[in-house]
Amino acid sequence: MYLKTFGAVLIEGPKWCGKTWTGRAHCRSELLLADPKGNFNNKQLANLNPDLALNGDAPRLIDEWQEVPFIWDSVRGRVDANIQKGQFILTGSATVDKSKYVHTGTGRIARLRMRPMALFESGFSSGAVSLKDVCHGLAEDVFTGEIELERIISHIIVGGWPSVCDMPSDRGALVAREYLKSVLNEDIFKVDGIKRDRHKFELLLRSLARNESTTVTNRTLKNDIREKDFDDVNIDTISDYLNLLNNMYLTENIPPFSNRVRSSLRVKQSEKRHFADPSLSCALLNLTEKKLLENLELLGFLFESMVLRDLLTYCESFGAKLYHYQDYSGNEIDAVVELEDSSWCAIEIKLGASQVESAAQNLIRINNAIAVSGDGGKPARALCVICGLTNAAYKRKDGVYVIPITALRA
């Protein structure tokens, strides 16, 4: 749809999530700017004559466009000069300093966020239940089969990286650790040329991993680093490091669902911290299947992280947005899906089937509080518990859906 609507499409996301492969699957010609052939001949050509580098059958793929930032303006100019849709596909794994190019590309270049694969994309979810149907109250009961806890843990450790998602957990974990080494040894310096403290950056990553899927503050992260390093770090430095992680698409925090529900409940404005893939948290904390089996609380947070990763992708496919809800009265909802018509679906995420009852009651209680708040609070269209270890998707007598993550799709 995007290629039929816009002159160019930018696919952005973390390294190694499949952007180039996806672009190649939809293009008819390509320019790979990071290709080392001929002493990086493609990059030299783009620097010398960006207009010439754009010549080729449409859609033309410009891979890793940030290697030659001003090529963005050339693409924008070519799109302006030719009303044809779907002329270019650009890919990038880091945002570029806006001073490196002139025009924003608004209306000409559409942006698509790409993530590591969701369980349905990697073939580990049957797709028997549609999230869109759940949000509209249309999902039907279906038996989905037993799921082993070890299988869930393996998906968390290995993650959704296309090249390794079917690997055993020990090999997948090794790949994730090497991925992070590359980030620490190269990317944190190469993205914008700023010299940063590698050790403190690694400590921040580990602190984020310990606080995955929580609303931990920058100040708490700062204190956590100081406790581990016995050396203070400036709060502005923490903000800079966090911005860099966002710019490399390694984090994608879940915003609060505060201004969408007019309720008398005082809501918090904190984002939920979230790595692009749970495998990164596992690698940073050196987690194995055995360690996670011995720490079920941490496993629960990482399971939530995996589900949120999938929900972000599923929501985007049908124009929905993903939030979380937390207020000062102790009420929390793990995920809120807001549809295009502003209706919403409340979701709790629980690993074990024994947690479904309490999760369902929590959803009903908060939903009722919003509905009777007296100031226009709008109740949810649907309530849902996404579970790891349940063998069926079904609607409870109280109206709450229970859906296995290994049966979910967009």
Protein backbone atom coordinates (compact mmCIF):
# COMPACT_ATOMS: atom_id res chain seq x y z
CA MET A 1 0.00 0.00 0.00
CA TYR A 2 2.79 2.44 0.88
CA LEU A 3 4.56 1.99 -2.44
CA LYS A 4 1.27 2.67 -4.23
CA THR A 5 0.67 5.83 -2.19
CA PHE A 6 4.06 7.56 -1.79
CA GLY A 7 6.95 8.36 -4.09
CA ALA A 8 9.41 6.73 -1.68
CA VAL A 9 9.30 4.55 1.43
CA LEU A 10 11.88 4.49 4.23
CA ILE A 11 12.20 1.21 6.13
CA GLU A 12 13.88 1.93 9.46
CA GLY A 13 14.72 -0.32 12.39
CA PRO A 14 17.54 -2.00 14.29
CA LYS A 15 20.42 -3.63 12.46
CA TRP A 16 19.89 -7.22 11.39
CA CYS A 17 16.08 -7.24 11.58
CA GLY A 18 15.69 -7.89 7.84
CA LYS A 19 15.35 -4.42 6.30
CA THR A 20 17.64 -5.10 3.34
CA TRP A 21 16.04 -8.46 2.63
CA THR A 22 12.59 -6.88 2.74
CA GLY A 23 13.66 -4.04 0.47
CA ARG A 24 15.20 -6.45 -2.01
CA ALA A 25 12.01 -8.50 -2.06
CA HIS A 26 10.09 -5.44 -3.33
CA CYS A 27 12.62 -3.62 -5.54
CA ARG A 28 13.59 -3.92 -9.20
CA SER A 29 17.06 -2.35 -8.87
CA GLU A 30 19.36 -1.59 -5.95
CA LEU A 31 22.21 0.55 -4.66
CA LEU A 32 23.90 -0.92 -1.58
CA LEU A 33 25.87 1.94 -0.01
CA ALA A 34 27.57 -0.26 2.59
CA ASP A 35 28.79 -2.75 -0.03
CA PRO A 36 32.64 -2.90 0.21
CA LYS A 37 33.09 -4.01 -3.43
CA GLY A 38 35.42 -1.84 -5.48
CA ASN A 39 36.62 0.02 -2.40
CA PHE A 40 33.03 1.03 -1.60
CA ASN A 41 32.40 2.08 -5.17
CA ASN A 42 28.66 2.57 -4.64
CA LYS A 43 29.26 4.96 -1.76
CA GLN A 44 31.86 6.88 -3.77
CA LEU A 45 29.46 7.16 -6.71
CA ALA A 46 26.68 8.48 -4.46
CA ASN A 47 29.02 11.07 -2.96
CA LEU A 48 30.25 12.23 -6.36
CA ASN A 49 26.94 12.18 -8.25
CA PRO A 50 23.87 11.32 -6.14
CA ASP A 51 21.48 11.89 -9.06
CA LEU A 52 23.32 9.32 -11.17
CA ALA A 53 23.26 6.86 -8.27
CA LEU A 54 19.47 7.03 -8.24
CA ASN A 55 19.12 5.84 -11.84
CA GLY A 56 17.60 2.39 -12.12
CA ASP A 57 14.33 0.56 -12.47
CA ALA A 58 11.68 1.51 -9.91
CA PRO A 59 11.28 0.73 -7.14
CA ARG A 60 15.02 1.32 -6.60
CA LEU A 61 16.45 0.22 -3.26
CA ILE A 62 18.91 2.61 -1.57
CA ASP A 63 20.27 0.47 1.28
CA GLU A 64 21.80 2.15 4.37
CA TRP A 65 21.11 5.61 2.96
CA GLN A 66 22.57 7.26 6.07
CA GLU A 67 26.06 6.41 4.72
CA VAL A 68 25.51 9.33 2.31
CA PRO A 69 22.96 11.53 4.13
CA PHE A 70 22.45 14.15 1.41
CA ILE A 71 21.14 11.44 -0.93
CA TRP A 72 17.88 11.97 0.98
CA ASP A 73 17.47 15.37 -0.69
CA SER A 74 18.20 13.82 -4.08
CA VAL A 75 15.47 11.22 -3.54
CA ARG A 76 13.06 13.92 -2.40
CA GLY A 77 13.90 16.02 -5.46
CA ARG A 78 13.42 13.08 -7.83
CA VAL A 79 10.04 12.32 -6.27
CA ASP A 80 8.99 15.96 -6.65
CA ALA A 81 10.02 15.95 -10.32
CA ASN A 82 8.13 12.75 -11.12
CA ILE A 83 4.62 12.06 -9.83
CA GLN A 84 5.12 8.29 -10.18
CA LYS A 85 4.52 6.38 -6.95
CA GLY A 86 6.85 3.76 -5.51
CA GLN A 87 10.06 5.11 -7.04
CA PHE A 88 12.42 4.39 -4.14
CA ILE A 89 12.83 2.15 -1.10
CA LEU A 90 15.33 3.42 1.47
CA THR A 91 16.59 1.46 4.47
CA GLY A 92 18.40 2.71 7.58
CA SER A 93 19.43 1.41 10.99
CA ALA A 94 20.26 4.79 12.57
CA THR A 95 18.68 8.23 12.41
CA VAL A 96 20.77 10.94 10.80
CA ASP A 97 21.62 14.42 12.04
CA LYS A 98 18.99 16.61 10.36
CA SER A 99 21.66 19.19 9.52
CA LYS A 100 23.05 16.69 6.99
CA TYR A 101 20.06 17.18 4.69
CA VAL A 102 17.66 20.03 3.90
CA HIS A 103 14.16 18.68 3.36
CA THR A 104 12.08 16.46 5.68
CA GLY A 105 10.45 14.50 2.90
CA THR A 106 7.00 15.10 4.37
CA GLY A 107 4.32 13.88 1.98
CA ARG A 108 6.94 12.35 -0.33
CA ILE A 109 8.78 9.78 1.79
CA ALA A 110 6.75 7.55 4.13
CA ARG A 111 8.37 5.88 7.14
CA LEU A 112 7.84 2.25 8.12
CA ARG A 113 9.22 0.91 11.41
CA MET A 114 10.56 -2.63 11.12
CA ARG A 115 11.18 -4.83 14.16
CA PRO A 116 12.53 -8.28 14.89
CA MET A 117 9.97 -10.85 13.81
CA ALA A 118 6.84 -11.51 15.85
CA LEU A 119 6.05 -15.13 16.68
CA PHE A 120 3.53 -15.36 13.84
CA GLU A 121 6.09 -14.01 11.34
CA SER A 122 8.72 -16.53 12.45
CA GLY A 123 6.25 -19.42 12.32
CA PHE A 124 5.99 -20.06 16.06
CA SER A 125 2.41 -18.80 16.32
CA SER A 126 -0.37 -20.66 14.53
CA GLY A 127 -2.24 -17.41 13.86
CA ALA A 128 -5.54 -19.03 14.84
CA VAL A 129 -6.71 -15.81 16.54
CA SER A 130 -6.66 -12.29 15.12
CA LEU A 131 -5.81 -9.40 17.46
CA LYS A 132 -8.02 -7.16 15.33
CA ASP A 133 -10.94 -9.55 15.88
CA VAL A 134 -10.26 -9.58 19.61
CA CYS A 135 -10.31 -5.77 19.75
CA HIS A 136 -13.66 -5.72 17.95
CA GLY A 137 -15.13 -8.47 20.13
CA LEU A 138 -15.32 -10.91 17.22
CA ALA A 139 -12.80 -13.62 18.19
CA GLU A 140 -14.12 -17.18 18.40
CA ASP A 141 -13.21 -19.99 20.76
CA VAL A 142 -10.60 -22.39 19.40
CA PHE A 143 -8.43 -25.18 20.83
CA THR A 144 -4.78 -24.32 20.21
CA GLY A 145 -2.85 -27.18 21.88
CA GLU A 146 -0.40 -27.49 24.73
CA ILE A 147 2.67 -25.26 24.95
CA GLU A 148 5.82 -26.19 26.85
CA LEU A 149 7.38 -23.57 29.11
CA GLU A 150 10.83 -24.40 27.74
CA ARG A 151 9.65 -23.48 24.25
CA ILE A 152 8.46 -20.06 25.45
CA ILE A 153 11.80 -19.47 27.21
CA SER A 154 13.72 -20.42 24.07
CA HIS A 155 11.77 -17.86 22.00
CA ILE A 156 12.59 -15.18 24.60
CA ILE A 157 16.33 -15.94 24.66
CA VAL A 158 16.79 -16.33 20.89
CA GLY A 159 14.47 -13.49 19.91
CA GLY A 160 12.97 -12.60 16.55
CA TRP A 161 16.14 -11.99 14.53
CA PRO A 162 15.47 -13.59 11.12
CA SER A 163 18.77 -15.45 10.76
CA VAL A 164 18.70 -17.17 14.16
CA CYS A 165 15.08 -17.51 15.27
CA ASP A 166 15.14 -21.30 14.73
CA MET A 167 18.47 -21.83 16.54
CA PRO A 168 18.83 -23.59 19.91
CA SER A 169 18.79 -21.09 22.78
CA ASP A 170 22.50 -21.38 23.59
CA ARG A 171 23.57 -20.49 20.04
CA GLY A 172 20.94 -17.79 19.73
CA ALA A 173 22.15 -16.25 22.99
CA LEU A 174 25.71 -16.18 21.66
CA VAL A 175 24.59 -14.26 18.59
CA ALA A 176 22.77 -11.69 20.75
CA ARG A 177 25.88 -11.19 22.91
CA GLU A 178 28.02 -10.60 19.82
CA TYR A 179 25.39 -8.17 18.50
CA LEU A 180 25.72 -6.12 21.68
CA LYS A 181 29.53 -6.21 21.50
CA SER A 182 29.29 -4.61 18.08
CA VAL A 183 26.96 -1.93 19.47
CA LEU A 184 29.36 -1.13 22.33
CA ASN A 185 32.60 -1.34 20.37
CA GLU A 186 31.51 0.46 17.21
CA ASP A 187 27.97 1.79 16.89
CA ILE A 188 27.87 4.09 19.93
CA PHE A 189 30.82 6.00 18.46
CA LYS A 190 30.05 5.70 14.75
CA VAL A 191 26.43 6.89 14.64
CA ASP A 192 27.14 10.57 15.34
CA GLY A 193 30.90 10.72 15.95
CA ILE A 194 30.52 11.61 19.64
CA LYS A 195 32.96 9.94 22.04
CA ARG A 196 31.08 8.15 24.84
CA ASP A 197 32.09 6.15 27.89
CA ARG A 198 31.77 2.53 26.77
CA HIS A 199 31.75 1.16 30.31
CA LYS A 200 28.98 3.45 31.53
CA PHE A 201 26.99 2.80 28.38
CA GLU A 202 27.19 -0.93 29.07
CA LEU A 203 26.10 -0.36 32.66
CA LEU A 204 23.09 1.57 31.38
CA LEU A 205 22.19 -1.28 29.05
CA ARG A 206 22.36 -3.75 31.93
CA SER A 207 20.22 -1.50 34.10
CA LEU A 208 17.63 -1.26 31.34
CA ALA A 209 17.70 -5.05 31.04
CA ARG A 210 17.05 -5.43 34.77
CA ASN A 211 14.16 -2.99 34.42
CA GLU A 212 12.71 -4.33 31.18
CA SER A 213 8.97 -3.66 30.77
CA THR A 214 8.83 -1.26 33.73
CA THR A 215 8.42 2.52 34.06
CA VAL A 216 11.82 3.04 35.69
CA THR A 217 12.92 6.70 35.67
CA ASN A 218 16.13 8.22 34.33
CA ARG A 219 17.15 9.08 37.90
CA THR A 220 16.74 5.46 39.00
CA LEU A 221 18.85 4.33 36.07
CA LYS A 222 21.47 6.91 37.07
CA ASN A 223 21.54 5.63 40.65
CA ASP A 224 21.73 2.04 39.48
CA ILE A 225 24.82 2.83 37.41
CA ARG A 226 26.44 4.66 40.33
CA GLU A 227 25.87 1.67 42.64
CA LYS A 228 27.54 -0.66 40.16
CA ASP A 229 30.40 1.67 39.19
CA PHE A 230 30.94 3.68 42.41
CA ASP A 231 31.24 6.71 40.15
CA ASP A 232 28.49 9.22 39.52
CA VAL A 233 27.11 9.89 36.05
CA ASN A 234 25.35 13.06 34.93
CA ILE A 235 21.59 12.82 34.36
CA ASP A 236 22.08 14.60 31.03
CA THR A 237 24.49 11.85 30.04
CA ILE A 238 21.82 9.26 30.80
CA SER A 239 19.39 11.16 28.56
CA ASP A 240 21.98 11.31 25.78
CA TYR A 241 22.62 7.56 25.99
CA LEU A 242 18.89 6.80 25.97
CA ASN A 243 18.37 9.04 22.95
CA LEU A 244 21.15 7.24 21.14
CA LEU A 245 19.50 3.87 21.83
CA ASN A 246 16.27 5.24 20.38
CA ASN A 247 18.15 6.57 17.36
CA MET A 248 19.61 3.11 16.75
CA TYR A 249 16.12 1.61 17.16
CA LEU A 250 17.38 -0.64 19.96
CA THR A 251 14.67 0.63 22.30
CA GLU A 252 11.02 1.36 21.61
CA ASN A 253 9.28 2.52 24.74
CA ILE A 254 5.52 2.15 25.19
CA PRO A 255 3.82 5.53 25.83
CA PRO A 256 1.18 6.04 28.55
CA PHE A 257 -2.53 5.88 27.74
CA SER A 258 -3.30 9.01 29.69
CA ASN A 259 -4.77 11.58 27.39
CA ARG A 260 -7.01 9.09 25.63
CA VAL A 261 -9.21 8.17 28.63
CA ARG A 262 -11.01 11.05 30.35
CA SER A 263 -11.11 9.60 33.82
CA SER A 264 -10.94 11.13 37.28
CA LEU A 265 -8.14 8.67 38.08
CA ARG A 266 -4.79 10.52 38.15
CA VAL A 267 -2.65 8.81 35.55
CA LYS A 268 1.13 8.62 35.38
CA GLN A 269 3.00 9.97 32.37
CA SER A 270 5.89 7.49 32.39
CA GLU A 271 6.85 5.42 29.37
CA LYS A 272 7.33 1.69 29.79
CA ARG A 273 10.99 0.85 29.05
CA HIS A 274 11.28 -1.69 26.29
CA PHE A 275 14.15 -3.18 24.25
CA ALA A 276 13.47 -3.91 20.59
CA ASP A 277 13.76 -7.62 21.38
CA PRO A 278 13.85 -9.60 24.65
CA SER A 279 16.97 -11.44 23.50
CA LEU A 280 18.95 -8.25 24.17
CA SER A 281 17.93 -8.24 27.84
CA CYS A 282 18.79 -11.93 28.12
CA ALA A 283 22.22 -11.39 26.58
CA LEU A 284 22.98 -8.40 28.83
CA LEU A 285 22.08 -10.38 31.95
CA ASN A 286 23.72 -13.57 30.67
CA LEU A 287 20.50 -15.52 31.10
CA THR A 288 20.00 -19.18 30.22
CA GLU A 289 16.95 -21.43 30.27
CA LYS A 290 18.03 -22.78 33.65
CA LYS A 291 18.48 -19.31 35.16
CA LEU A 292 15.06 -18.17 33.94
CA LEU A 293 13.38 -21.28 35.33
CA GLU A 294 14.91 -20.33 38.68
CA ASN A 295 13.68 -16.71 38.46
CA LEU A 296 10.04 -16.78 37.41
CA GLU A 297 9.44 -13.12 38.26
CA LEU A 298 12.12 -11.99 35.80
CA LEU A 299 10.81 -14.52 33.28
CA GLY A 300 7.40 -12.89 33.57
CA PHE A 301 8.80 -9.45 32.67
CA LEU A 302 10.70 -10.88 29.70
CA PHE A 303 7.60 -12.73 28.52
CA GLU A 304 5.74 -9.42 28.66
CA SER A 305 8.56 -7.84 26.62
CA MET A 306 8.18 -10.50 23.92
CA VAL A 307 4.41 -10.03 23.79
CA LEU A 308 4.75 -6.23 23.56
CA ARG A 309 7.19 -6.64 20.67
CA ASP A 310 4.59 -8.73 18.85
CA LEU A 311 1.71 -6.40 19.70
CA LEU A 312 3.58 -3.39 18.29
CA THR A 313 3.85 -5.15 14.93
CA TYR A 314 0.30 -6.52 14.94
CA CYS A 315 -1.22 -3.16 15.90
CA GLU A 316 0.61 -1.29 13.20
CA SER A 317 -0.73 -3.64 10.53
CA PHE A 318 -4.32 -2.47 11.04
CA GLY A 319 -3.72 1.16 12.03
CA ALA A 320 -3.94 0.74 15.81
CA LYS A 321 -1.59 2.20 18.44
CA LEU A 322 -0.14 0.53 21.52
CA TYR A 323 -0.01 2.12 24.99
CA HIS A 324 0.16 1.06 28.63
CA TYR A 325 -1.91 2.36 31.56
CA GLN A 326 -0.76 3.21 35.08
CA ASP A 327 -2.27 5.58 37.63
CA TYR A 328 -1.46 6.85 41.12
CA SER A 329 -4.10 4.60 42.70
CA GLY A 330 -2.12 1.49 41.86
CA ASN A 331 -4.14 0.53 38.79
CA GLU A 332 -2.14 -0.86 35.86
CA ILE A 333 -2.95 -2.34 32.47
CA ASP A 334 -0.03 -3.97 30.66
CA ALA A 335 -1.13 -2.94 27.17
CA VAL A 336 -3.86 -0.80 25.65
CA VAL A 337 -4.67 -1.05 21.95
CA GLU A 338 -6.29 2.10 20.60
CA LEU A 339 -8.16 1.66 17.33
CA GLU A 340 -8.54 4.29 14.62
CA ASP A 341 -12.04 5.20 15.84
CA SER A 342 -10.59 5.92 19.35
CA SER A 343 -12.17 2.81 20.88
CA TRP A 344 -9.74 0.73 22.89
CA CYS A 345 -8.95 -2.76 24.10
CA ALA A 346 -7.31 -3.48 27.47
CA ILE A 347 -4.79 -6.33 27.65
CA GLU A 348 -3.08 -8.04 30.56
CA ILE A 349 -0.04 -10.22 29.83
CA LYS A 350 0.54 -13.30 31.98
CA LEU A 351 2.87 -16.23 31.51
CA GLY A 352 0.95 -18.88 33.45
CA ALA A 353 -2.67 -19.99 33.14
CA SER A 354 -3.02 -19.79 36.94
CA GLN A 355 -2.68 -15.99 36.66
CA VAL A 356 -5.59 -15.57 34.23
CA GLU A 357 -8.29 -15.20 36.91
CA SER A 358 -6.58 -12.35 38.78
CA ALA A 359 -5.67 -10.65 35.50
CA ALA A 360 -9.26 -10.78 34.28
CA GLN A 361 -10.57 -9.36 37.55
CA ASN A 362 -8.03 -6.54 37.36
CA LEU A 363 -9.21 -5.61 33.86
CA ILE A 364 -12.85 -5.63 34.87
CA ARG A 365 -12.19 -3.52 37.97
CA ILE A 366 -10.21 -0.81 36.16
CA ASN A 367 -12.61 -0.74 33.23
CA ASN A 368 -15.56 -0.28 35.56
CA ALA A 369 -13.75 2.53 37.40
CA ILE A 370 -13.16 4.37 34.13
CA ALA A 371 -16.73 3.83 32.96
CA VAL A 372 -18.30 5.29 36.13
CA SER A 373 -15.80 8.13 36.62
CA GLY A 374 -18.50 10.65 35.72
CA ASP A 375 -16.38 12.80 33.39
CA GLY A 376 -16.76 11.07 30.06
CA GLY A 377 -14.56 8.04 30.67
CA LYS A 378 -15.20 5.54 27.88
CA PRO A 379 -15.09 1.82 28.74
CA ALA A 380 -13.01 -0.60 26.72
CA ARG A 381 -14.54 -2.28 23.70
CA ALA A 382 -12.83 -5.54 24.69
CA LEU A 383 -10.84 -7.01 27.57
CA CYS A 384 -8.19 -9.65 26.98
CA VAL A 385 -5.56 -11.70 28.80
CA ILE A 386 -2.67 -12.85 26.59
CA CYS A 387 -1.19 -15.96 28.16
CA GLY A 388 1.86 -18.11 27.54
CA LEU A 389 0.71 -21.45 28.89
CA THR A 390 -2.90 -22.05 27.95
CA ASN A 391 -4.16 -24.60 25.44
CA ALA A 392 -7.16 -22.70 24.07
CA ALA A 393 -8.40 -19.29 23.02
CA TYR A 394 -11.78 -18.59 24.56
CA LYS A 395 -14.15 -15.96 25.90
CA ARG A 396 -14.90 -16.24 29.62
CA LYS A 397 -18.41 -15.84 31.03
CA ASP A 398 -17.44 -12.36 32.25
CA GLY A 399 -16.59 -11.36 28.68
CA VAL A 400 -12.79 -11.40 29.03
CA TYR A 401 -10.91 -13.09 26.19
CA VAL A 402 -8.02 -15.45 26.98
CA ILE A 403 -5.59 -15.83 24.07
CA PRO A 404 -2.34 -17.85 23.86
CA ILE A 405 0.50 -15.78 22.43
CA THR A 406 1.40 -18.79 20.26
CA ALA A 407 -1.99 -18.50 18.53
CA LEU A 408 -2.05 -14.73 17.95
CA ARG A 409 -1.66 -12.78 14.70
CA ALA A 410 -2.62 -9.34 13.49
